Amino acid sequence: MNSIGEECTELKKKYDDCFNSWFSERFLKGDNDDSMCAGIFKVYQDCVKNAMKQQNIDFKEIDKEVLGTDSEFKAPSSGSSS
């Protein structure tokens, strides 16, 4: 699967490879230290955030807590709330 931004797809693949390696070679053997992929994750995350800005995707909507709240069962609003 490609990333949200075309320019981020290669970074996503590198992060996915790192994560899959960490998960199978470390996490499943009891090592919970996930710092192995932290560097590439940060670079990829910054790329995705930039792509989101370019596509006018609101970060507040992405970070909004919904699950386990009354909002979980409400339909999304159609307008922008300020």
PDB file of N, CA and C in Angstrom:
ATOM      1  N   MET A   1       0.845  -1.167   0.000  1.00  0.00           N
ATOM      2  CA  MET A   1       0.000   0.000   0.000  1.00  0.00           C
ATOM      3  C   MET A   1       0.895   1.237   0.000  1.00  0.00           C
ATOM      4  N   ASN A   2       0.554   2.196  -0.836  1.00  0.00           N
ATOM      5  CA  ASN A   2       1.317   3.432  -0.896  1.00  0.00           C
ATOM      6  C   ASN A   2       0.947   4.356   0.257  1.00  0.00           C
ATOM      7  N   SER A   3       1.789   5.337   0.469  1.00  0.00           N
ATOM      8  CA  SER A   3       1.554   6.321   1.515  1.00  0.00           C
ATOM      9  C   SER A   3       0.575   7.382   1.032  1.00  0.00           C
ATOM     10  N   ILE A   4       0.112   8.206   1.953  1.00  0.00           N
ATOM     11  CA  ILE A   4      -0.809   9.299   1.620  1.00  0.00           C
ATOM     12  C   ILE A   4      -0.175  10.280   0.639  1.00  0.00           C
ATOM     13  N   GLY A   5       1.112  10.468   0.739  1.00  0.00           N
ATOM     14  CA  GLY A   5       1.828  11.347  -0.184  1.00  0.00           C
ATOM     15  C   GLY A   5       2.786  10.533  -1.031  1.00  0.00           C
ATOM     16  N   GLU A   6       2.742  10.725  -2.332  1.00  0.00           N
ATOM     17  CA  GLU A   6       3.609   9.955  -3.231  1.00  0.00           C
ATOM     18  C   GLU A   6       5.071  10.049  -2.816  1.00  0.00           C
ATOM     19  N   GLU A   7       5.472  11.238  -2.346  1.00  0.00           N
ATOM     20  CA  GLU A   7       6.857  11.452  -1.939  1.00  0.00           C
ATOM     21  C   GLU A   7       7.220  10.685  -0.668  1.00  0.00           C
ATOM     22  N   CYS A   8       6.224  10.137   0.028  1.00  0.00           N
ATOM     23  CA  CYS A   8       6.457   9.406   1.273  1.00  0.00           C
ATOM     24  C   CYS A   8       6.459   7.889   1.088  1.00  0.00           C
ATOM     25  N   THR A   9       6.116   7.416  -0.086  1.00  0.00           N
ATOM     26  CA  THR A   9       5.943   5.977  -0.292  1.00  0.00           C
ATOM     27  C   THR A   9       7.226   5.192  -0.038  1.00  0.00           C
ATOM     28  N   GLU A  10       8.361   5.687  -0.498  1.00  0.00           N
ATOM     29  CA  GLU A  10       9.618   4.968  -0.278  1.00  0.00           C
ATOM     30  C   GLU A  10       9.965   4.929   1.212  1.00  0.00           C
ATOM     31  N   LEU A  11       9.712   6.034   1.916  1.00  0.00           N
ATOM     32  CA  LEU A  11       9.940   6.062   3.363  1.00  0.00           C
ATOM     33  C   LEU A  11       9.019   5.073   4.070  1.00  0.00           C
ATOM     34  N   LYS A  12       7.783   4.980   3.607  1.00  0.00           N
ATOM     35  CA  LYS A  12       6.829   4.035   4.198  1.00  0.00           C
ATOM     36  C   LYS A  12       7.328   2.614   4.031  1.00  0.00           C
ATOM     37  N   LYS A  13       7.837   2.291   2.852  1.00  0.00           N
ATOM     38  CA  LYS A  13       8.346   0.942   2.604  1.00  0.00           C
ATOM     39  C   LYS A  13       9.533   0.635   3.515  1.00  0.00           C
ATOM     40  N   LYS A  14      10.416   1.619   3.708  1.00  0.00           N
ATOM     41  CA  LYS A  14      11.564   1.421   4.591  1.00  0.00           C
ATOM     42  C   LYS A  14      11.097   1.218   6.031  1.00  0.00           C
ATOM     43  N   TYR A  15      10.127   2.027   6.467  1.00  0.00           N
ATOM     44  CA  TYR A  15       9.607   1.865   7.820  1.00  0.00           C
ATOM     45  C   TYR A  15       8.901   0.523   7.972  1.00  0.00           C
ATOM     46  N   ASP A  16       8.081   0.145   6.993  1.00  0.00           N
ATOM     47  CA  ASP A  16       7.392  -1.147   7.048  1.00  0.00           C
ATOM     48  C   ASP A  16       8.392  -2.298   7.167  1.00  0.00           C
ATOM     49  N   ASP A  17       9.460  -2.249   6.391  1.00  0.00           N
ATOM     50  CA  ASP A  17      10.490  -3.291   6.454  1.00  0.00           C
ATOM     51  C   ASP A  17      11.137  -3.332   7.837  1.00  0.00           C
ATOM     52  N   CYS A  18      11.451  -2.158   8.369  1.00  0.00           N
ATOM     53  CA  CYS A  18      12.066  -2.080   9.692  1.00  0.00           C
ATOM     54  C   CYS A  18      11.100  -2.621  10.751  1.00  0.00           C
ATOM     55  N   PHE A  19       9.853  -2.188  10.698  1.00  0.00           N
ATOM     56  CA  PHE A  19       8.857  -2.634  11.671  1.00  0.00           C
ATOM     57  C   PHE A  19       8.667  -4.152  11.610  1.00  0.00           C
ATOM     58  N   ASN A  20       8.521  -4.681  10.408  1.00  0.00           N
ATOM     59  CA  ASN A  20       8.319  -6.124  10.265  1.00  0.00           C
ATOM     60  C   ASN A  20       9.507  -6.912  10.813  1.00  0.00           C
ATOM     61  N   SER A  21      10.701  -6.409  10.579  1.00  0.00           N
ATOM     62  CA  SER A  21      11.901  -7.050  11.105  1.00  0.00           C
ATOM     63  C   SER A  21      11.909  -6.981  12.632  1.00  0.00           C
ATOM     64  N   TRP A  22      11.648  -5.795  13.196  1.00  0.00           N
ATOM     65  CA  TRP A  22      11.610  -5.632  14.646  1.00  0.00           C
ATOM     66  C   TRP A  22      10.553  -6.540  15.258  1.00  0.00           C
ATOM     67  N   PHE A  23       9.364  -6.558  14.665  1.00  0.00           N
ATOM     68  CA  PHE A  23       8.259  -7.328  15.215  1.00  0.00           C
ATOM     69  C   PHE A  23       8.591  -8.821  15.272  1.00  0.00           C
ATOM     70  N   SER A  24       9.101  -9.356  14.176  1.00  0.00           N
ATOM     71  CA  SER A  24       9.360 -10.797  14.124  1.00  0.00           C
ATOM     72  C   SER A  24      10.645 -11.198  14.860  1.00  0.00           C
ATOM     73  N   GLU A  25      11.663 -10.362  14.794  1.00  0.00           N
ATOM     74  CA  GLU A  25      12.952 -10.736  15.363  1.00  0.00           C
ATOM     75  C   GLU A  25      13.141 -10.295  16.811  1.00  0.00           C
ATOM     76  N   ARG A  26      12.363  -9.338  17.254  1.00  0.00           N
ATOM     77  CA  ARG A  26      12.554  -8.837  18.620  1.00  0.00           C
ATOM     78  C   ARG A  26      11.277  -8.925  19.456  1.00  0.00           C
ATOM     79  N   PHE A  27      10.220  -8.249  19.002  1.00  0.00           N
ATOM     80  CA  PHE A  27       8.998  -8.169  19.802  1.00  0.00           C
ATOM     81  C   PHE A  27       8.439  -9.547  20.130  1.00  0.00           C
ATOM     82  N   LEU A  28       8.342 -10.418  19.143  1.00  0.00           N
ATOM     83  CA  LEU A  28       7.790 -11.752  19.371  1.00  0.00           C
ATOM     84  C   LEU A  28       8.684 -12.613  20.256  1.00  0.00           C
ATOM     85  N   LYS A  29       9.913 -12.163  20.485  1.00  0.00           N
ATOM     86  CA  LYS A  29      10.840 -12.872  21.371  1.00  0.00           C
ATOM     87  C   LYS A  29      10.960 -12.187  22.721  1.00  0.00           C
ATOM     88  N   GLY A  30      10.030 -11.223  22.989  1.00  0.00           N
ATOM     89  CA  GLY A  30       9.975 -10.592  24.301  1.00  0.00           C
ATOM     90  C   GLY A  30      10.682  -9.262  24.433  1.00  0.00           C
ATOM     91  N   ASP A  31      11.304  -8.766  23.378  1.00  0.00           N
ATOM     92  CA  ASP A  31      12.004  -7.476  23.438  1.00  0.00           C
ATOM     93  C   ASP A  31      11.034  -6.372  22.998  1.00  0.00           C
ATOM     94  N   ASN A  32      10.597  -5.563  23.963  1.00  0.00           N
ATOM     95  CA  ASN A  32       9.617  -4.509  23.680  1.00  0.00           C
ATOM     96  C   ASN A  32      10.248  -3.170  23.310  1.00  0.00           C
ATOM     97  N   ASP A  33      11.560  -3.095  23.235  1.00  0.00           N
ATOM     98  CA  ASP A  33      12.251  -1.848  22.894  1.00  0.00           C
ATOM     99  C   ASP A  33      12.052  -1.562  21.406  1.00  0.00           C
ATOM    100  N   ASP A  34      11.227  -0.558  21.120  1.00  0.00           N
ATOM    101  CA  ASP A  34      10.905  -0.251  19.724  1.00  0.00           C
ATOM    102  C   ASP A  34      11.744   0.882  19.143  1.00  0.00           C
ATOM    103  N   SER A  35      12.867   1.191  19.774  1.00  0.00           N
ATOM    104  CA  SER A  35      13.715   2.292  19.296  1.00  0.00           C
ATOM    105  C   SER A  35      14.430   1.970  17.988  1.00  0.00           C
ATOM    106  N   MET A  36      14.465   0.713  17.616  1.00  0.00           N
ATOM    107  CA  MET A  36      15.158   0.278  16.396  1.00  0.00           C
ATOM    108  C   MET A  36      14.677   1.040  15.161  1.00  0.00           C
ATOM    109  N   CYS A  37      13.390   1.337  15.098  1.00  0.00           N
ATOM    110  CA  CYS A  37      12.805   1.985  13.919  1.00  0.00           C
ATOM    111  C   CYS A  37      12.412   3.439  14.176  1.00  0.00           C
ATOM    112  N   ALA A  38      12.765   3.966  15.335  1.00  0.00           N
ATOM    113  CA  ALA A  38      12.325   5.310  15.717  1.00  0.00           C
ATOM    114  C   ALA A  38      12.800   6.382  14.742  1.00  0.00           C
ATOM    115  N   GLY A  39      14.018   6.279  14.274  1.00  0.00           N
ATOM    116  CA  GLY A  39      14.559   7.291  13.369  1.00  0.00           C
ATOM    117  C   GLY A  39      13.810   7.357  12.046  1.00  0.00           C
ATOM    118  N   ILE A  40      13.622   6.214  11.408  1.00  0.00           N
ATOM    119  CA  ILE A  40      12.914   6.193  10.122  1.00  0.00           C
ATOM    120  C   ILE A  40      11.440   6.524  10.325  1.00  0.00           C
ATOM    121  N   PHE A  41      10.880   6.138  11.480  1.00  0.00           N
ATOM    122  CA  PHE A  41       9.484   6.476  11.746  1.00  0.00           C
ATOM    123  C   PHE A  41       9.300   7.989  11.824  1.00  0.00           C
ATOM    124  N   LYS A  42      10.205   8.682  12.490  1.00  0.00           N
ATOM    125  CA  LYS A  42      10.111  10.143  12.633  1.00  0.00           C
ATOM    126  C   LYS A  42      10.187  10.816  11.265  1.00  0.00           C
ATOM    127  N   VAL A  43      11.095  10.374  10.421  1.00  0.00           N
ATOM    128  CA  VAL A  43      11.242  10.954   9.085  1.00  0.00           C
ATOM    129  C   VAL A  43       9.970  10.700   8.271  1.00  0.00           C
ATOM    130  N   TYR A  44       9.463   9.476   8.334  1.00  0.00           N
ATOM    131  CA  TYR A  44       8.230   9.129   7.616  1.00  0.00           C
ATOM    132  C   TYR A  44       7.044   9.922   8.157  1.00  0.00           C
ATOM    133  N   GLN A  45       6.939  10.027   9.476  1.00  0.00           N
ATOM    134  CA  GLN A  45       5.846  10.777  10.100  1.00  0.00           C
ATOM    135  C   GLN A  45       5.861  12.244   9.660  1.00  0.00           C
ATOM    136  N   ASP A  46       7.026  12.853   9.622  1.00  0.00           N
ATOM    137  CA  ASP A  46       7.143  14.240   9.172  1.00  0.00           C
ATOM    138  C   ASP A  46       6.714  14.379   7.714  1.00  0.00           C
ATOM    139  N   CYS A  47       7.076  13.414   6.893  1.00  0.00           N
ATOM    140  CA  CYS A  47       6.685  13.432   5.487  1.00  0.00           C
ATOM    141  C   CYS A  47       5.163  13.341   5.355  1.00  0.00           C
ATOM    142  N   VAL A  48       4.548  12.445   6.126  1.00  0.00           N
ATOM    143  CA  VAL A  48       3.089  12.273   6.083  1.00  0.00           C
ATOM    144  C   VAL A  48       2.389  13.547   6.555  1.00  0.00           C
ATOM    145  N   LYS A  49       2.893  14.146   7.623  1.00  0.00           N
ATOM    146  CA  LYS A  49       2.280  15.392   8.120  1.00  0.00           C
ATOM    147  C   LYS A  49       2.352  16.481   7.061  1.00  0.00           C
ATOM    148  N   ASN A  50       3.467  16.580   6.370  1.00  0.00           N
ATOM    149  CA  ASN A  50       3.608  17.567   5.307  1.00  0.00           C
ATOM    150  C   ASN A  50       2.628  17.277   4.161  1.00  0.00           C
ATOM    151  N   ALA A  51       2.495  16.008   3.793  1.00  0.00           N
ATOM    152  CA  ALA A  51       1.547  15.626   2.737  1.00  0.00           C
ATOM    153  C   ALA A  51       0.114  15.949   3.156  1.00  0.00           C
ATOM    154  N   MET A  52      -0.194  15.737   4.427  1.00  0.00           N
ATOM    155  CA  MET A  52      -1.531  16.060   4.931  1.00  0.00           C
ATOM    156  C   MET A  52      -1.801  17.559   4.832  1.00  0.00           C
ATOM    157  N   LYS A  53      -0.807  18.360   5.171  1.00  0.00           N
ATOM    158  CA  LYS A  53      -0.963  19.820   5.053  1.00  0.00           C
ATOM    159  C   LYS A  53      -1.218  20.207   3.605  1.00  0.00           C
ATOM    160  N   GLN A  54      -0.469  19.615   2.690  1.00  0.00           N
ATOM    161  CA  GLN A  54      -0.625  19.925   1.271  1.00  0.00           C
ATOM    162  C   GLN A  54      -2.008  19.539   0.757  1.00  0.00           C
ATOM    163  N   GLN A  55      -2.613  18.507   1.368  1.00  0.00           N
ATOM    164  CA  GLN A  55      -3.935  18.049   0.949  1.00  0.00           C
ATOM    165  C   GLN A  55      -5.050  18.629   1.830  1.00  0.00           C
ATOM    166  N   ASN A  56      -4.681  19.608   2.676  1.00  0.00           N
ATOM    167  CA  ASN A  56      -5.634  20.285   3.556  1.00  0.00           C
ATOM    168  C   ASN A  56      -6.399  19.330   4.459  1.00  0.00           C
ATOM    169  N   ILE A  57      -5.696  18.347   5.024  1.00  0.00           N
ATOM    170  CA  ILE A  57      -6.286  17.433   5.991  1.00  0.00           C
ATOM    171  C   ILE A  57      -6.008  17.999   7.376  1.00  0.00           C
ATOM    172  N   ASP A  58      -7.067  18.183   8.163  1.00  0.00           N
ATOM    173  CA  ASP A  58      -6.973  18.812   9.478  1.00  0.00           C
ATOM    174  C   ASP A  58      -6.419  17.823  10.513  1.00  0.00           C
ATOM    175  N   PHE A  59      -5.281  18.172  11.127  1.00  0.00           N
ATOM    176  CA  PHE A  59      -4.668  17.315  12.134  1.00  0.00           C
ATOM    177  C   PHE A  59      -5.576  17.101  13.338  1.00  0.00           C
ATOM    178  N   LYS A  60      -6.359  18.107  13.702  1.00  0.00           N
ATOM    179  CA  LYS A  60      -7.231  17.973  14.871  1.00  0.00           C
ATOM    180  C   LYS A  60      -8.228  16.836  14.678  1.00  0.00           C
ATOM    181  N   GLU A  61      -8.691  16.654  13.472  1.00  0.00           N
ATOM    182  CA  GLU A  61      -9.632  15.565  13.197  1.00  0.00           C
ATOM    183  C   GLU A  61      -8.945  14.205  13.286  1.00  0.00           C
ATOM    184  N   ILE A  62      -7.676  14.150  12.921  1.00  0.00           N
ATOM    185  CA  ILE A  62      -6.933  12.894  12.972  1.00  0.00           C
ATOM    186  C   ILE A  62      -6.674  12.479  14.413  1.00  0.00           C
ATOM    187  N   ASP A  63      -6.313  13.434  15.271  1.00  0.00           N
ATOM    188  CA  ASP A  63      -5.956  13.146  16.657  1.00  0.00           C
ATOM    189  C   ASP A  63      -7.152  13.079  17.601  1.00  0.00           C
ATOM    190  N   LYS A  64      -8.320  13.375  17.114  1.00  0.00           N
ATOM    191  CA  LYS A  64      -9.521  13.446  17.943  1.00  0.00           C
ATOM    192  C   LYS A  64      -9.857  12.078  18.547  1.00  0.00           C
ATOM    193  N   GLU A  65     -10.087  12.074  19.868  1.00  0.00           N
ATOM    194  CA  GLU A  65     -10.493  10.850  20.555  1.00  0.00           C
ATOM    195  C   GLU A  65     -11.959  10.586  20.257  1.00  0.00           C
ATOM    196  N   VAL A  66     -12.267   9.426  19.712  1.00  0.00           N
ATOM    197  CA  VAL A  66     -13.644   9.080  19.369  1.00  0.00           C
ATOM    198  C   VAL A  66     -14.063   7.771  20.035  1.00  0.00           C
ATOM    199  N   LEU A  67     -13.243   6.739  19.886  1.00  0.00           N
ATOM    200  CA  LEU A  67     -13.598   5.438  20.440  1.00  0.00           C
ATOM    201  C   LEU A  67     -13.778   5.521  21.949  1.00  0.00           C
ATOM    202  N   GLY A  68     -14.856   4.932  22.426  1.00  0.00           N
ATOM    203  CA  GLY A  68     -15.130   4.939  23.857  1.00  0.00           C
ATOM    204  C   GLY A  68     -15.765   6.222  24.359  1.00  0.00           C
ATOM    205  N   THR A  69     -16.145   7.117  23.436  1.00  0.00           N
ATOM    206  CA  THR A  69     -16.809   8.361  23.820  1.00  0.00           C
ATOM    207  C   THR A  69     -18.186   8.408  23.164  1.00  0.00           C
ATOM    208  N   ASP A  70     -18.996   9.401  23.555  1.00  0.00           N
ATOM    209  CA  ASP A  70     -20.311   9.572  22.935  1.00  0.00           C
ATOM    210  C   ASP A  70     -20.192   9.843  21.440  1.00  0.00           C
ATOM    211  N   SER A  71     -19.074  10.423  21.005  1.00  0.00           N
ATOM    212  CA  SER A  71     -18.870  10.753  19.594  1.00  0.00           C
ATOM    213  C   SER A  71     -18.736   9.512  18.714  1.00  0.00           C
ATOM    214  N   GLU A  72     -18.449   8.371  19.324  1.00  0.00           N
ATOM    215  CA  GLU A  72     -18.240   7.147  18.553  1.00  0.00           C
ATOM    216  C   GLU A  72     -19.474   6.783  17.720  1.00  0.00           C
ATOM    217  N   PHE A  73     -20.653   7.112  18.221  1.00  0.00           N
ATOM    218  CA  PHE A  73     -21.874   6.697  17.555  1.00  0.00           C
ATOM    219  C   PHE A  73     -22.585   7.831  16.816  1.00  0.00           C
ATOM    220  N   LYS A  74     -21.945   8.997  16.759  1.00  0.00           N
ATOM    221  CA  LYS A  74     -22.530  10.136  16.038  1.00  0.00           C
ATOM    222  C   LYS A  74     -21.979  10.203  14.626  1.00  0.00           C
ATOM    223  N   ALA A  75     -22.822  10.617  13.706  1.00  0.00           N
ATOM    224  CA  ALA A  75     -22.376  10.833  12.328  1.00  0.00           C
ATOM    225  C   ALA A  75     -21.456  12.048  12.304  1.00  0.00           C
ATOM    226  N   PRO A  76     -20.417  12.019  11.471  1.00  0.00           N
ATOM    227  CA  PRO A  76     -19.525  13.183  11.358  1.00  0.00           C
ATOM    228  C   PRO A  76     -20.289  14.411  10.898  1.00  0.00           C
ATOM    229  N   SER A  77     -19.882  15.564  11.398  1.00  0.00           N
ATOM    230  CA  SER A  77     -20.528  16.807  10.950  1.00  0.00           C
ATOM    231  C   SER A  77     -20.074  17.131   9.536  1.00  0.00           C
ATOM    232  N   SER A  78     -20.940  17.798   8.796  1.00  0.00           N
ATOM    233  CA  SER A  78     -20.617  18.103   7.395  1.00  0.00           C
ATOM    234  C   SER A  78     -19.901  19.435   7.253  1.00  0.00           C
ATOM    235  N   GLY A  79     -19.912  20.260   8.293  1.00  0.00           N
ATOM    236  CA  GLY A  79     -19.269  21.573   8.215  1.00  0.00           C
ATOM    237  C   GLY A  79     -18.057  21.646   9.070  1.00  0.00           C
ATOM    238  N   SER A  80     -17.349  22.754   8.948  1.00  0.00           N
ATOM    239  CA  SER A  80     -16.160  23.001   9.750  1.00  0.00           C
ATOM    240  C   SER A  80     -16.588  23.650  11.049  1.00  0.00           C
ATOM    241  N   SER A  81     -16.090  23.133  12.170  1.00  0.00           N
ATOM    242  CA  SER A  81     -16.431  23.727  13.459  1.00  0.00           C
ATOM    243  C   SER A  81     -15.260  24.557  13.952  1.00  0.00           C
ATOM    244  N   SER A  82     -15.565  25.736  14.492  1.00  0.00           N
ATOM    245  CA  SER A  82     -14.515  26.615  14.985  1.00  0.00           C
ATOM    246  C   SER A  82     -14.737  26.954  16.418  1.00  0.00           C
TER     247      SER A  82
END
